[in-house]
């Protein structure tokens, strides 16, 4: 068996604490993971892992091996990046994560256009509505919409992203139109787990108004909130890139136009400048160009 692959398998198992999780991450069957581990232990002449029904732990030799193998993988990655940097054509694999709503609407089309331009590049997309640990989950790049980025990470701003308070005409006919920020407290406000779940902050004439809001639906995905709003369930604060076409068609109505909501930034986020590959630099530059375009600005 390929010893480099066996080493990668061992690192994944050790870092994730599970053969099944490692198999999923490597797109490999669990029996194959077991075979690679057995072959590696045979080559080294030492038992590397304690296996229980719930978790996998490292033996003493396993801890030593993990440290050495992680160093080896780092050197190997640096060499691959250095050689790739001498090739003007981006190539290799890039693991990218984004929220479900933004990924479906904007990142997926961007990725499709990028790989058509650079045919030697391969992009693996992970769409989740949670903050992904880039190092632990071996993600090269995250596209995040946020007011503040972890200072330990490197971030490049791609665009500004506005939010819009909106509701369906059916909801407003039944419950009335709020004419001030304070009146939101009397409405069924559908909230996002990570953005203003209990308090919405609005500004008018240089004054901030913080309104405690609540409703019968909360979700970690703005697409779910959008569907509920379209069905007349309540008022939600949603990304402009997601609702602008519905506002233009009249399916949804924008509320409190004389107030502004705090803008967030669309960022390309990665863990380190030190091992930035040609592919990563190229893809980030591509996103900067794409999301700075007037076509995208019209959505935001």
C-alpha atoms as a PDB file:
ATOM      1  CA  UNK A   1       0.000   0.000   0.000  1.00  0.00           C
ATOM      2  CA  UNK A   2       0.989   3.636  -0.568  1.00  0.00           C
ATOM      3  CA  UNK A   3       2.731   4.765   2.611  1.00  0.00           C
ATOM      4  CA  UNK A   4       1.971   8.455   2.049  1.00  0.00           C
ATOM      5  CA  UNK A   5      -1.731   7.628   1.857  1.00  0.00           C
ATOM      6  CA  UNK A   6      -1.409   5.481   4.978  1.00  0.00           C
ATOM      7  CA  UNK A   7       0.166   8.416   6.793  1.00  0.00           C
ATOM      8  CA  UNK A   8      -2.652  10.724   5.695  1.00  0.00           C
ATOM      9  CA  UNK A   9      -5.195   8.181   6.904  1.00  0.00           C
ATOM     10  CA  UNK A  10      -3.483   7.910  10.284  1.00  0.00           C
ATOM     11  CA  UNK A  11      -3.407  11.705  10.713  1.00  0.00           C
ATOM     12  CA  UNK A  12      -7.114  11.986   9.869  1.00  0.00           C
ATOM     13  CA  UNK A  13      -8.039   9.237  12.336  1.00  0.00           C
ATOM     14  CA  UNK A  14      -5.866  10.736  15.078  1.00  0.00           C
ATOM     15  CA  UNK A  15      -7.188  14.283  14.579  1.00  0.00           C
ATOM     16  CA  UNK A  16     -10.841  13.260  14.307  1.00  0.00           C
ATOM     17  CA  UNK A  17     -10.787  10.472  16.887  1.00  0.00           C
ATOM     18  CA  UNK A  18     -12.894   8.233  14.690  1.00  0.00           C
ATOM     19  CA  UNK A  19     -12.318   5.796  11.850  1.00  0.00           C
ATOM     20  CA  UNK A  20     -15.731   6.579  10.399  1.00  0.00           C
ATOM     21  CA  UNK A  21     -15.159  10.351  10.441  1.00  0.00           C
ATOM     22  CA  UNK A  22     -11.760   9.885   8.814  1.00  0.00           C
ATOM     23  CA  UNK A  23     -13.254   7.633   6.155  1.00  0.00           C
ATOM     24  CA  UNK A  24     -15.920  10.258   5.355  1.00  0.00           C
ATOM     25  CA  UNK A  25     -13.327  13.036   5.148  1.00  0.00           C
ATOM     26  CA  UNK A  26     -11.108  10.999   2.846  1.00  0.00           C
ATOM     27  CA  UNK A  27     -13.994   9.640   0.745  1.00  0.00           C
ATOM     28  CA  UNK A  28     -12.794   6.150   1.597  1.00  0.00           C
ATOM     29  CA  UNK A  29     -14.498   3.055   2.971  1.00  0.00           C
ATOM     30  CA  UNK A  30     -14.042   2.250   6.654  1.00  0.00           C
ATOM     31  CA  UNK A  31     -12.508  -1.180   5.903  1.00  0.00           C
ATOM     32  CA  UNK A  32      -9.940   0.530   3.669  1.00  0.00           C
ATOM     33  CA  UNK A  33      -9.065   2.932   6.505  1.00  0.00           C
ATOM     34  CA  UNK A  34      -8.543  -0.062   8.783  1.00  0.00           C
ATOM     35  CA  UNK A  35      -6.281  -1.734   6.227  1.00  0.00           C
ATOM     36  CA  UNK A  36      -4.113   1.366   5.856  1.00  0.00           C
ATOM     37  CA  UNK A  37      -3.760   1.669   9.630  1.00  0.00           C
ATOM     38  CA  UNK A  38      -2.813  -1.979  10.002  1.00  0.00           C
ATOM     39  CA  UNK A  39      -0.233  -1.664   7.223  1.00  0.00           C
ATOM     40  CA  UNK A  40       1.253   1.455   8.815  1.00  0.00           C
ATOM     41  CA  UNK A  41       1.534  -0.204  12.225  1.00  0.00           C
ATOM     42  CA  UNK A  42       3.193  -3.203  10.586  1.00  0.00           C
ATOM     43  CA  UNK A  43       5.701  -0.986   8.765  1.00  0.00           C
ATOM     44  CA  UNK A  44       6.573   0.899  11.942  1.00  0.00           C
ATOM     45  CA  UNK A  45       6.538  -2.172  14.160  1.00  0.00           C
ATOM     46  CA  UNK A  46       4.458  -0.412  16.816  1.00  0.00           C
ATOM     47  CA  UNK A  47       0.835  -0.096  17.863  1.00  0.00           C
ATOM     48  CA  UNK A  48      -0.301   3.468  17.178  1.00  0.00           C
ATOM     49  CA  UNK A  49      -3.924   3.505  18.299  1.00  0.00           C
ATOM     50  CA  UNK A  50      -6.143   2.364  21.151  1.00  0.00           C
ATOM     51  CA  UNK A  51      -9.518   1.366  19.736  1.00  0.00           C
ATOM     52  CA  UNK A  52     -12.748   1.317  21.763  1.00  0.00           C
ATOM     53  CA  UNK A  53     -16.357   1.041  20.661  1.00  0.00           C
ATOM     54  CA  UNK A  54     -16.760   4.829  20.937  1.00  0.00           C
ATOM     55  CA  UNK A  55     -13.443   6.465  20.213  1.00  0.00           C
ATOM     56  CA  UNK A  56      -9.927   5.981  18.958  1.00  0.00           C
ATOM     57  CA  UNK A  57      -7.008   7.215  21.069  1.00  0.00           C
ATOM     58  CA  UNK A  58      -3.263   7.443  20.558  1.00  0.00           C
ATOM     59  CA  UNK A  59      -0.709   5.201  22.185  1.00  0.00           C
ATOM     60  CA  UNK A  60       2.645   6.604  23.265  1.00  0.00           C
ATOM     61  CA  UNK A  61       4.283   5.652  19.960  1.00  0.00           C
ATOM     62  CA  UNK A  62       1.171   6.972  18.206  1.00  0.00           C
ATOM     63  CA  UNK A  63       1.627  10.433  19.742  1.00  0.00           C
ATOM     64  CA  UNK A  64       5.244  10.510  18.575  1.00  0.00           C
ATOM     65  CA  UNK A  65       4.275   9.295  15.109  1.00  0.00           C
ATOM     66  CA  UNK A  66       1.483  11.866  14.796  1.00  0.00           C
ATOM     67  CA  UNK A  67       3.809  14.764  15.587  1.00  0.00           C
ATOM     68  CA  UNK A  68       6.401  13.552  13.049  1.00  0.00           C
ATOM     69  CA  UNK A  69       3.847  12.797  10.367  1.00  0.00           C
ATOM     70  CA  UNK A  70       2.205  16.220  10.756  1.00  0.00           C
ATOM     71  CA  UNK A  71       5.610  17.806  10.276  1.00  0.00           C
ATOM     72  CA  UNK A  72       6.172  15.648   7.203  1.00  0.00           C
ATOM     73  CA  UNK A  73       2.817  16.623   5.743  1.00  0.00           C
ATOM     74  CA  UNK A  74       3.622  20.286   6.304  1.00  0.00           C
ATOM     75  CA  UNK A  75       6.931  19.936   4.467  1.00  0.00           C
ATOM     76  CA  UNK A  76       5.227  18.038   1.669  1.00  0.00           C
ATOM     77  CA  UNK A  77       2.551  20.732   1.326  1.00  0.00           C
ATOM     78  CA  UNK A  78       5.172  23.477   1.253  1.00  0.00           C
ATOM     79  CA  UNK A  79       7.043  21.640  -1.501  1.00  0.00           C
ATOM     80  CA  UNK A  80       3.876  21.123  -3.526  1.00  0.00           C
ATOM     81  CA  UNK A  81       2.951  24.791  -3.125  1.00  0.00           C
ATOM     82  CA  UNK A  82       6.443  25.928  -4.097  1.00  0.00           C
ATOM     83  CA  UNK A  83       6.439  23.799  -7.231  1.00  0.00           C
ATOM     84  CA  UNK A  84       2.893  24.857  -8.066  1.00  0.00           C
ATOM     85  CA  UNK A  85       3.857  28.524  -7.706  1.00  0.00           C
ATOM     86  CA  UNK A  86       6.239  28.047 -10.655  1.00  0.00           C
ATOM     87  CA  UNK A  87       3.337  26.954 -12.848  1.00  0.00           C
ATOM     88  CA  UNK A  88       1.239  29.898 -14.095  1.00  0.00           C
ATOM     89  CA  UNK A  89      -1.803  27.643 -14.517  1.00  0.00           C
ATOM     90  CA  UNK A  90      -3.624  27.095 -11.177  1.00  0.00           C
ATOM     91  CA  UNK A  91      -4.085  23.418 -10.458  1.00  0.00           C
ATOM     92  CA  UNK A  92      -4.767  21.076  -7.577  1.00  0.00           C
ATOM     93  CA  UNK A  93      -7.617  20.768  -5.081  1.00  0.00           C
ATOM     94  CA  UNK A  94      -9.120  23.630  -3.063  1.00  0.00           C
ATOM     95  CA  UNK A  95     -11.574  22.975  -0.234  1.00  0.00           C
ATOM     96  CA  UNK A  96     -14.005  25.878   0.151  1.00  0.00           C
ATOM     97  CA  UNK A  97     -16.866  26.464   2.578  1.00  0.00           C
ATOM     98  CA  UNK A  98     -19.757  28.942   2.619  1.00  0.00           C
ATOM     99  CA  UNK A  99     -23.274  29.301   3.959  1.00  0.00           C
ATOM    100  CA  UNK A 100     -25.983  27.326   2.200  1.00  0.00           C
ATOM    101  CA  UNK A 101     -27.903  30.350   0.901  1.00  0.00           C
ATOM    102  CA  UNK A 102     -24.904  32.273  -0.418  1.00  0.00           C
ATOM    103  CA  UNK A 103     -23.299  29.105  -1.720  1.00  0.00           C
ATOM    104  CA  UNK A 104     -26.316  28.122  -3.769  1.00  0.00           C
ATOM    105  CA  UNK A 105     -27.045  31.573  -5.168  1.00  0.00           C
ATOM    106  CA  UNK A 106     -23.600  32.982  -5.841  1.00  0.00           C
ATOM    107  CA  UNK A 107     -20.632  30.806  -4.909  1.00  0.00           C
ATOM    108  CA  UNK A 108     -21.644  27.723  -6.893  1.00  0.00           C
ATOM    109  CA  UNK A 109     -21.981  29.711 -10.165  1.00  0.00           C
ATOM    110  CA  UNK A 110     -18.653  31.408  -9.433  1.00  0.00           C
ATOM    111  CA  UNK A 111     -16.951  28.059  -8.901  1.00  0.00           C
ATOM    112  CA  UNK A 112     -18.435  26.686 -12.116  1.00  0.00           C
ATOM    113  CA  UNK A 113     -17.067  29.651 -14.075  1.00  0.00           C
ATOM    114  CA  UNK A 114     -13.662  29.372 -12.390  1.00  0.00           C
ATOM    115  CA  UNK A 115     -13.093  25.705 -13.199  1.00  0.00           C
ATOM    116  CA  UNK A 116     -14.168  26.324 -16.787  1.00  0.00           C
ATOM    117  CA  UNK A 117     -11.423  28.934 -17.020  1.00  0.00           C
ATOM    118  CA  UNK A 118      -8.805  26.854 -15.176  1.00  0.00           C
ATOM    119  CA  UNK A 119      -9.392  23.261 -16.190  1.00  0.00           C
ATOM    120  CA  UNK A 120      -6.623  21.831 -13.970  1.00  0.00           C
ATOM    121  CA  UNK A 121      -8.290  23.170 -10.806  1.00  0.00           C
ATOM    122  CA  UNK A 122     -10.700  21.185  -8.661  1.00  0.00           C
ATOM    123  CA  UNK A 123     -12.932  22.808  -6.036  1.00  0.00           C
ATOM    124  CA  UNK A 124     -14.538  20.864  -3.183  1.00  0.00           C
ATOM    125  CA  UNK A 125     -17.492  22.763  -1.683  1.00  0.00           C
ATOM    126  CA  UNK A 126     -18.791  22.407   1.862  1.00  0.00           C
ATOM    127  CA  UNK A 127     -22.063  24.276   2.376  1.00  0.00           C
ATOM    128  CA  UNK A 128     -22.970  24.603   6.058  1.00  0.00           C
ATOM    129  CA  UNK A 129     -24.580  27.247   8.243  1.00  0.00           C
ATOM    130  CA  UNK A 130     -22.072  27.119  11.077  1.00  0.00           C
ATOM    131  CA  UNK A 131     -18.603  28.487  11.696  1.00  0.00           C
ATOM    132  CA  UNK A 132     -16.162  25.899  10.350  1.00  0.00           C
ATOM    133  CA  UNK A 133     -12.766  25.425  12.007  1.00  0.00           C
ATOM    134  CA  UNK A 134     -10.528  25.807   8.975  1.00  0.00           C
ATOM    135  CA  UNK A 135      -7.564  23.963  10.452  1.00  0.00           C
ATOM    136  CA  UNK A 136      -9.402  21.043  12.051  1.00  0.00           C
ATOM    137  CA  UNK A 137     -11.579  20.430   8.988  1.00  0.00           C
ATOM    138  CA  UNK A 138      -8.745  21.072   6.518  1.00  0.00           C
ATOM    139  CA  UNK A 139     -10.585  23.884   4.739  1.00  0.00           C
ATOM    140  CA  UNK A 140      -8.465  26.101   2.514  1.00  0.00           C
ATOM    141  CA  UNK A 141     -10.903  28.978   2.168  1.00  0.00           C
ATOM    142  CA  UNK A 142     -14.126  30.150   3.778  1.00  0.00           C
ATOM    143  CA  UNK A 143     -16.453  32.694   2.192  1.00  0.00           C
ATOM    144  CA  UNK A 144     -18.118  34.353   5.169  1.00  0.00           C
ATOM    145  CA  UNK A 145     -20.641  37.131   5.663  1.00  0.00           C
ATOM    146  CA  UNK A 146     -19.872  38.712   8.999  1.00  0.00           C
ATOM    147  CA  UNK A 147     -19.436  41.966  10.888  1.00  0.00           C
ATOM    148  CA  UNK A 148     -16.224  40.753  12.492  1.00  0.00           C
ATOM    149  CA  UNK A 149     -13.682  38.111  11.483  1.00  0.00           C
ATOM    150  CA  UNK A 150     -11.536  36.149  13.921  1.00  0.00           C
ATOM    151  CA  UNK A 151      -8.290  38.182  14.152  1.00  0.00           C
ATOM    152  CA  UNK A 152      -6.295  34.931  14.069  1.00  0.00           C
ATOM    153  CA  UNK A 153      -7.423  34.418  10.456  1.00  0.00           C
ATOM    154  CA  UNK A 154      -6.520  36.242   7.252  1.00  0.00           C
ATOM    155  CA  UNK A 155      -9.495  37.961   5.624  1.00  0.00           C
ATOM    156  CA  UNK A 156      -9.908  39.774   2.327  1.00  0.00           C
ATOM    157  CA  UNK A 157     -13.069  41.800   1.921  1.00  0.00           C
ATOM    158  CA  UNK A 158     -14.930  40.967  -1.276  1.00  0.00           C
ATOM    159  CA  UNK A 159     -18.023  43.159  -1.011  1.00  0.00           C
ATOM    160  CA  UNK A 160     -20.472  44.881   1.324  1.00  0.00           C
ATOM    161  CA  UNK A 161     -23.654  43.025   2.189  1.00  0.00           C
ATOM    162  CA  UNK A 162     -26.837  44.788   3.265  1.00  0.00           C
ATOM    163  CA  UNK A 163     -29.771  43.256   5.077  1.00  0.00           C
ATOM    164  CA  UNK A 164     -33.436  44.069   4.497  1.00  0.00           C
ATOM    165  CA  UNK A 165     -36.438  43.839   6.788  1.00  0.00           C
ATOM    166  CA  UNK A 166     -39.231  42.323   4.759  1.00  0.00           C
ATOM    167  CA  UNK A 167     -42.544  40.494   4.887  1.00  0.00           C
ATOM    168  CA  UNK A 168     -45.157  39.105   2.524  1.00  0.00           C
ATOM    169  CA  UNK A 169     -48.174  41.274   1.627  1.00  0.00           C
ATOM    170  CA  UNK A 170     -50.473  38.653   3.199  1.00  0.00           C
ATOM    171  CA  UNK A 171     -48.768  38.999   6.580  1.00  0.00           C
ATOM    172  CA  UNK A 172     -48.935  42.810   6.462  1.00  0.00           C
ATOM    173  CA  UNK A 173     -52.609  42.781   5.500  1.00  0.00           C
ATOM    174  CA  UNK A 174     -53.383  40.666   8.541  1.00  0.00           C
ATOM    175  CA  UNK A 175     -51.048  42.238  11.110  1.00  0.00           C
ATOM    176  CA  UNK A 176     -50.392  45.741   9.845  1.00  0.00           C
ATOM    177  CA  UNK A 177     -47.276  47.536   8.682  1.00  0.00           C
ATOM    178  CA  UNK A 178     -44.751  48.634  11.316  1.00  0.00           C
ATOM    179  CA  UNK A 179     -43.917  52.335  10.947  1.00  0.00           C
ATOM    180  CA  UNK A 180     -41.194  52.542  13.582  1.00  0.00           C
ATOM    181  CA  UNK A 181     -38.456  50.243  14.821  1.00  0.00           C
ATOM    182  CA  UNK A 182     -40.147  50.001  18.210  1.00  0.00           C
ATOM    183  CA  UNK A 183     -43.277  48.515  16.636  1.00  0.00           C
ATOM    184  CA  UNK A 184     -41.274  45.446  15.552  1.00  0.00           C
ATOM    185  CA  UNK A 185     -41.537  44.223  19.146  1.00  0.00           C
ATOM    186  CA  UNK A 186     -45.259  43.621  18.602  1.00  0.00           C
ATOM    187  CA  UNK A 187     -44.763  41.552  15.435  1.00  0.00           C
ATOM    188  CA  UNK A 188     -43.839  37.940  14.776  1.00  0.00           C
ATOM    189  CA  UNK A 189     -40.157  38.375  13.899  1.00  0.00           C
ATOM    190  CA  UNK A 190     -38.437  35.325  12.435  1.00  0.00           C
ATOM    191  CA  UNK A 191     -34.821  35.224  13.556  1.00  0.00           C
ATOM    192  CA  UNK A 192     -31.492  33.743  12.533  1.00  0.00           C
ATOM    193  CA  UNK A 193     -29.505  31.769  15.103  1.00  0.00           C
ATOM    194  CA  UNK A 194     -26.295  33.686  14.448  1.00  0.00           C
ATOM    195  CA  UNK A 195     -27.401  37.150  13.310  1.00  0.00           C
ATOM    196  CA  UNK A 196     -29.553  39.234  15.636  1.00  0.00           C
ATOM    197  CA  UNK A 197     -31.421  36.341  17.204  1.00  0.00           C
ATOM    198  CA  UNK A 198     -32.896  38.352  20.080  1.00  0.00           C
ATOM    199  CA  UNK A 199     -32.101  41.960  19.201  1.00  0.00           C
ATOM    200  CA  UNK A 200     -32.296  43.844  15.917  1.00  0.00           C
ATOM    201  CA  UNK A 201     -30.274  47.069  15.682  1.00  0.00           C
ATOM    202  CA  UNK A 202     -31.485  49.803  13.374  1.00  0.00           C
ATOM    203  CA  UNK A 203     -30.276  53.341  12.783  1.00  0.00           C
ATOM    204  CA  UNK A 204     -32.047  56.556  11.822  1.00  0.00           C
ATOM    205  CA  UNK A 205     -30.699  60.099  11.866  1.00  0.00           C
ATOM    206  CA  UNK A 206     -27.487  58.877  13.460  1.00  0.00           C
ATOM    207  CA  UNK A 207     -29.307  57.233  16.379  1.00  0.00           C
ATOM    208  CA  UNK A 208     -29.269  53.494  17.000  1.00  0.00           C
ATOM    209  CA  UNK A 209     -32.413  51.742  18.118  1.00  0.00           C
ATOM    210  CA  UNK A 210     -32.060  48.272  19.619  1.00  0.00           C
ATOM    211  CA  UNK A 211     -35.326  46.336  19.528  1.00  0.00           C
ATOM    212  CA  UNK A 212     -35.927  43.068  21.361  1.00  0.00           C
ATOM    213  CA  UNK A 213     -37.608  40.763  18.869  1.00  0.00           C
ATOM    214  CA  UNK A 214     -38.977  37.257  18.891  1.00  0.00           C
ATOM    215  CA  UNK A 215     -41.210  34.958  16.977  1.00  0.00           C
ATOM    216  CA  UNK A 216     -42.335  31.399  16.494  1.00  0.00           C
ATOM    217  CA  UNK A 217     -39.622  30.451  13.972  1.00  0.00           C
ATOM    218  CA  UNK A 218     -35.847  30.603  14.318  1.00  0.00           C
ATOM    219  CA  UNK A 219     -33.344  28.913  12.021  1.00  0.00           C
ATOM    220  CA  UNK A 220     -29.647  28.676  11.229  1.00  0.00           C
ATOM    221  CA  UNK A 221     -30.240  29.108   7.484  1.00  0.00           C
ATOM    222  CA  UNK A 222     -31.626  32.256   5.894  1.00  0.00           C
ATOM    223  CA  UNK A 223     -33.174  30.188   3.096  1.00  0.00           C
ATOM    224  CA  UNK A 224     -35.501  28.581   5.639  1.00  0.00           C
ATOM    225  CA  UNK A 225     -36.492  31.976   7.016  1.00  0.00           C
ATOM    226  CA  UNK A 226     -37.086  33.271   3.498  1.00  0.00           C
ATOM    227  CA  UNK A 227     -39.481  30.431   2.736  1.00  0.00           C
ATOM    228  CA  UNK A 228     -41.391  31.121   5.951  1.00  0.00           C
ATOM    229  CA  UNK A 229     -41.600  34.832   5.117  1.00  0.00           C
ATOM    230  CA  UNK A 230     -42.873  34.086   1.616  1.00  0.00           C
ATOM    231  CA  UNK A 231     -45.654  32.012   3.178  1.00  0.00           C
ATOM    232  CA  UNK A 232     -46.758  34.943   5.328  1.00  0.00           C
ATOM    233  CA  UNK A 233     -45.393  33.711   8.646  1.00  0.00           C
ATOM    234  CA  UNK A 234     -43.785  36.954   9.801  1.00  0.00           C
ATOM    235  CA  UNK A 235     -41.083  39.593   9.358  1.00  0.00           C
ATOM    236  CA  UNK A 236     -37.409  38.664   8.875  1.00  0.00           C
ATOM    237  CA  UNK A 237     -34.085  40.405   8.435  1.00  0.00           C
ATOM    238  CA  UNK A 238     -32.657  38.791   5.307  1.00  0.00           C
ATOM    239  CA  UNK A 239     -29.657  39.360   3.013  1.00  0.00           C
ATOM    240  CA  UNK A 240     -30.352  41.762   0.166  1.00  0.00           C
ATOM    241  CA  UNK A 241     -28.659  39.392  -2.288  1.00  0.00           C
ATOM    242  CA  UNK A 242     -31.333  36.852  -1.436  1.00  0.00           C
ATOM    243  CA  UNK A 243     -34.501  38.965  -1.419  1.00  0.00           C
ATOM    244  CA  UNK A 244     -33.936  41.783  -3.934  1.00  0.00           C
ATOM    245  CA  UNK A 245     -35.543  39.869  -6.849  1.00  0.00           C
ATOM    246  CA  UNK A 246     -38.603  39.136  -4.690  1.00  0.00           C
ATOM    247  CA  UNK A 247     -38.853  42.771  -3.633  1.00  0.00           C
ATOM    248  CA  UNK A 248     -38.694  43.852  -7.264  1.00  0.00           C
ATOM    249  CA  UNK A 249     -41.485  41.446  -8.218  1.00  0.00           C
ATOM    250  CA  UNK A 250     -43.712  42.509  -5.320  1.00  0.00           C
ATOM    251  CA  UNK A 251     -43.743  39.063  -3.736  1.00  0.00           C
ATOM    252  CA  UNK A 252     -42.142  40.621  -0.656  1.00  0.00           C
ATOM    253  CA  UNK A 253     -42.329  44.140   0.771  1.00  0.00           C
ATOM    254  CA  UNK A 254     -39.376  46.021   2.273  1.00  0.00           C
ATOM    255  CA  UNK A 255     -40.138  47.640   5.640  1.00  0.00           C
ATOM    256  CA  UNK A 256     -38.894  50.708   7.509  1.00  0.00           C
ATOM    257  CA  UNK A 257     -37.113  52.206   4.507  1.00  0.00           C
ATOM    258  CA  UNK A 258     -36.111  55.293   6.541  1.00  0.00           C
ATOM    259  CA  UNK A 259     -33.995  53.095   8.823  1.00  0.00           C
ATOM    260  CA  UNK A 260     -30.699  51.427   7.993  1.00  0.00           C
ATOM    261  CA  UNK A 261     -29.368  48.118   9.230  1.00  0.00           C
ATOM    262  CA  UNK A 262     -25.727  47.535  10.068  1.00  0.00           C
ATOM    263  CA  UNK A 263     -23.875  46.328   6.992  1.00  0.00           C
ATOM    264  CA  UNK A 264     -21.833  43.164   7.023  1.00  0.00           C
ATOM    265  CA  UNK A 265     -18.900  42.261   4.861  1.00  0.00           C
ATOM    266  CA  UNK A 266     -18.444  39.403   2.441  1.00  0.00           C
ATOM    267  CA  UNK A 267     -14.963  38.026   3.137  1.00  0.00           C
ATOM    268  CA  UNK A 268     -12.595  35.437   1.766  1.00  0.00           C
ATOM    269  CA  UNK A 269     -11.026  33.908   4.882  1.00  0.00           C
ATOM    270  CA  UNK A 270      -8.052  31.573   5.185  1.00  0.00           C
ATOM    271  CA  UNK A 271      -5.750  30.418   7.940  1.00  0.00           C
ATOM    272  CA  UNK A 272      -2.265  31.473   6.883  1.00  0.00           C
ATOM    273  CA  UNK A 273      -0.331  33.454   4.309  1.00  0.00           C
ATOM    274  CA  UNK A 274       2.637  31.133   4.733  1.00  0.00           C
ATOM    275  CA  UNK A 275       1.282  28.197   2.740  1.00  0.00           C
ATOM    276  CA  UNK A 276      -0.895  30.107   0.315  1.00  0.00           C
ATOM    277  CA  UNK A 277      -0.902  28.141  -2.927  1.00  0.00           C
ATOM    278  CA  UNK A 278      -1.133  29.517  -6.432  1.00  0.00           C
ATOM    279  CA  UNK A 279      -4.612  28.013  -6.652  1.00  0.00           C
ATOM    280  CA  UNK A 280      -5.787  29.772  -3.488  1.00  0.00           C
ATOM    281  CA  UNK A 281      -4.374  33.133  -4.567  1.00  0.00           C
ATOM    282  CA  UNK A 282      -5.900  32.765  -8.015  1.00  0.00           C
ATOM    283  CA  UNK A 283      -9.331  31.807  -6.701  1.00  0.00           C
ATOM    284  CA  UNK A 284      -9.418  34.664  -4.181  1.00  0.00           C
ATOM    285  CA  UNK A 285      -8.420  37.143  -6.896  1.00  0.00           C
ATOM    286  CA  UNK A 286     -11.181  35.699  -9.076  1.00  0.00           C
ATOM    287  CA  UNK A 287     -13.758  36.202  -6.299  1.00  0.00           C
ATOM    288  CA  UNK A 288     -12.570  39.769  -5.680  1.00  0.00           C
ATOM    289  CA  UNK A 289     -13.080  40.601  -9.332  1.00  0.00           C
ATOM    290  CA  UNK A 290     -16.437  38.848  -9.563  1.00  0.00           C
ATOM    291  CA  UNK A 291     -18.031  40.266  -6.423  1.00  0.00           C
ATOM    292  CA  UNK A 292     -16.758  43.795  -7.073  1.00  0.00           C
ATOM    293  CA  UNK A 293     -18.701  43.837 -10.329  1.00  0.00           C
ATOM    294  CA  UNK A 294     -21.797  46.052 -10.786  1.00  0.00           C
ATOM    295  CA  UNK A 295     -23.837  42.912 -11.509  1.00  0.00           C
ATOM    296  CA  UNK A 296     -23.226  41.560  -8.016  1.00  0.00           C
ATOM    297  CA  UNK A 297     -23.518  44.995  -6.389  1.00  0.00           C
ATOM    298  CA  UNK A 298     -27.041  45.184  -7.787  1.00  0.00           C
ATOM    299  CA  UNK A 299     -27.955  42.183  -5.671  1.00  0.00           C
ATOM    300  CA  UNK A 300     -26.430  43.632  -2.484  1.00  0.00           C
END
